[in-house]
Amino acid sequence: AEAISAFRSALSRNSDDHRAAFGAGVACEASGRYDDALKYYKRACKGANADRYFRARDRMKAFGKRARG
């Protein structure tokens, strides 16, 4: 929760910070907040063209489909 708060604070100062968005996604994923993780990963993907961002986003999308289906 503390890490998520720190990343959210960084994003409030710079909403285009793809590194903070990715970090928030990682922290959310680690704490089981998968919908939030997907939201942050998508945000990171918009900010930078990085394979690890796309892989994380796609992993959360696939997880969501399995969890709902």
C-alpha atoms as a PDB file:
ATOM      1  CA  ALA A   1       0.000   0.000   0.000  1.00  0.00           C
ATOM      2  CA  GLU A   2       2.879   2.351   0.779  1.00  0.00           C
ATOM      3  CA  ALA A   3       4.500   1.778  -2.612  1.00  0.00           C
ATOM      4  CA  ILE A   4       1.210   2.343  -4.433  1.00  0.00           C
ATOM      5  CA  SER A   5       0.766   5.593  -2.548  1.00  0.00           C
ATOM      6  CA  ALA A   6       4.268   6.762  -3.506  1.00  0.00           C
ATOM      7  CA  PHE A   7       3.695   5.965  -7.189  1.00  0.00           C
ATOM      8  CA  ARG A   8       0.311   7.691  -7.160  1.00  0.00           C
ATOM      9  CA  SER A   9       1.953  10.732  -5.634  1.00  0.00           C
ATOM     10  CA  ALA A  10       4.554  10.741  -8.412  1.00  0.00           C
ATOM     11  CA  LEU A  11       1.772  10.485 -10.994  1.00  0.00           C
ATOM     12  CA  SER A  12      -0.063  13.407  -9.426  1.00  0.00           C
ATOM     13  CA  ARG A  13       3.060  15.524  -9.987  1.00  0.00           C
ATOM     14  CA  ASN A  14       3.619  14.216 -13.535  1.00  0.00           C
ATOM     15  CA  SER A  15       0.700  12.347 -15.079  1.00  0.00           C
ATOM     16  CA  ASP A  16       2.879  11.291 -18.041  1.00  0.00           C
ATOM     17  CA  ASP A  17       5.452   9.445 -15.901  1.00  0.00           C
ATOM     18  CA  HIS A  18       5.340   5.989 -17.490  1.00  0.00           C
ATOM     19  CA  ARG A  19       7.874   4.642 -14.970  1.00  0.00           C
ATOM     20  CA  ALA A  20       5.644   5.604 -12.042  1.00  0.00           C
ATOM     21  CA  ALA A  21       2.617   4.117 -13.807  1.00  0.00           C
ATOM     22  CA  PHE A  22       4.487   0.861 -14.380  1.00  0.00           C
ATOM     23  CA  GLY A  23       5.698   0.817 -10.762  1.00  0.00           C
ATOM     24  CA  ALA A  24       2.148   1.350  -9.540  1.00  0.00           C
ATOM     25  CA  GLY A  25       1.043  -1.530 -11.753  1.00  0.00           C
ATOM     26  CA  VAL A  26       3.706  -3.819 -10.323  1.00  0.00           C
ATOM     27  CA  ALA A  27       2.754  -2.845  -6.760  1.00  0.00           C
ATOM     28  CA  CYS A  28      -0.947  -3.403  -7.458  1.00  0.00           C
ATOM     29  CA  GLU A  29      -0.290  -6.758  -9.100  1.00  0.00           C
ATOM     30  CA  ALA A  30       1.855  -7.869  -6.162  1.00  0.00           C
ATOM     31  CA  SER A  31      -0.934  -6.984  -3.738  1.00  0.00           C
ATOM     32  CA  GLY A  32      -3.636  -8.761  -5.744  1.00  0.00           C
ATOM     33  CA  ARG A  33      -5.277  -5.627  -7.132  1.00  0.00           C
ATOM     34  CA  TYR A  34      -5.323  -6.911 -10.693  1.00  0.00           C
ATOM     35  CA  ASP A  35      -7.883  -4.501 -12.159  1.00  0.00           C
ATOM     36  CA  ASP A  36      -5.876  -1.563 -10.827  1.00  0.00           C
ATOM     37  CA  ALA A  37      -2.658  -3.142 -12.116  1.00  0.00           C
ATOM     38  CA  LEU A  38      -4.139  -3.376 -15.605  1.00  0.00           C
ATOM     39  CA  LYS A  39      -5.196   0.276 -15.444  1.00  0.00           C
ATOM     40  CA  TYR A  40      -1.670   1.377 -14.524  1.00  0.00           C
ATOM     41  CA  TYR A  41      -0.022  -0.901 -17.087  1.00  0.00           C
ATOM     42  CA  LYS A  42      -2.231   0.548 -19.817  1.00  0.00           C
ATOM     43  CA  ARG A  43      -1.214   4.011 -18.680  1.00  0.00           C
ATOM     44  CA  ALA A  44       2.464   3.051 -18.832  1.00  0.00           C
ATOM     45  CA  CYS A  45       1.987   1.701 -22.380  1.00  0.00           C
ATOM     46  CA  LYS A  46       0.594   5.053 -23.471  1.00  0.00           C
ATOM     47  CA  GLY A  47       3.652   6.812 -22.082  1.00  0.00           C
ATOM     48  CA  ALA A  48       6.373   4.683 -23.622  1.00  0.00           C
ATOM     49  CA  ASN A  49       6.888   1.944 -26.153  1.00  0.00           C
ATOM     50  CA  ALA A  50       8.496  -0.652 -23.871  1.00  0.00           C
ATOM     51  CA  ASP A  51       8.111  -4.403 -24.296  1.00  0.00           C
ATOM     52  CA  ARG A  52       7.931  -5.035 -20.548  1.00  0.00           C
ATOM     53  CA  TYR A  53       4.972  -2.648 -20.285  1.00  0.00           C
ATOM     54  CA  PHE A  54       3.115  -4.446 -23.060  1.00  0.00           C
ATOM     55  CA  ARG A  55       3.894  -7.880 -21.596  1.00  0.00           C
ATOM     56  CA  ALA A  56       2.615  -6.795 -18.167  1.00  0.00           C
ATOM     57  CA  ARG A  57      -0.547  -5.322 -19.685  1.00  0.00           C
ATOM     58  CA  ASP A  58      -1.208  -8.439 -21.737  1.00  0.00           C
ATOM     59  CA  ARG A  59      -0.586 -10.691 -18.715  1.00  0.00           C
ATOM     60  CA  MET A  60      -3.217  -8.780 -16.707  1.00  0.00           C
ATOM     61  CA  LYS A  61      -5.675  -8.882 -19.605  1.00  0.00           C
ATOM     62  CA  ALA A  62      -5.247 -12.647 -19.882  1.00  0.00           C
ATOM     63  CA  PHE A  63      -5.554 -13.065 -16.127  1.00  0.00           C
ATOM     64  CA  GLY A  64      -8.773 -11.058 -16.111  1.00  0.00           C
ATOM     65  CA  LYS A  65     -10.289 -13.212 -18.837  1.00  0.00           C
ATOM     66  CA  ARG A  66      -9.396 -16.400 -16.953  1.00  0.00           C
ATOM     67  CA  ALA A  67     -10.724 -15.019 -13.666  1.00  0.00           C
ATOM     68  CA  ARG A  68     -14.031 -13.959 -15.201  1.00  0.00           C
ATOM     69  CA  GLY A  69     -14.459 -16.922 -17.530  1.00  0.00           C
END
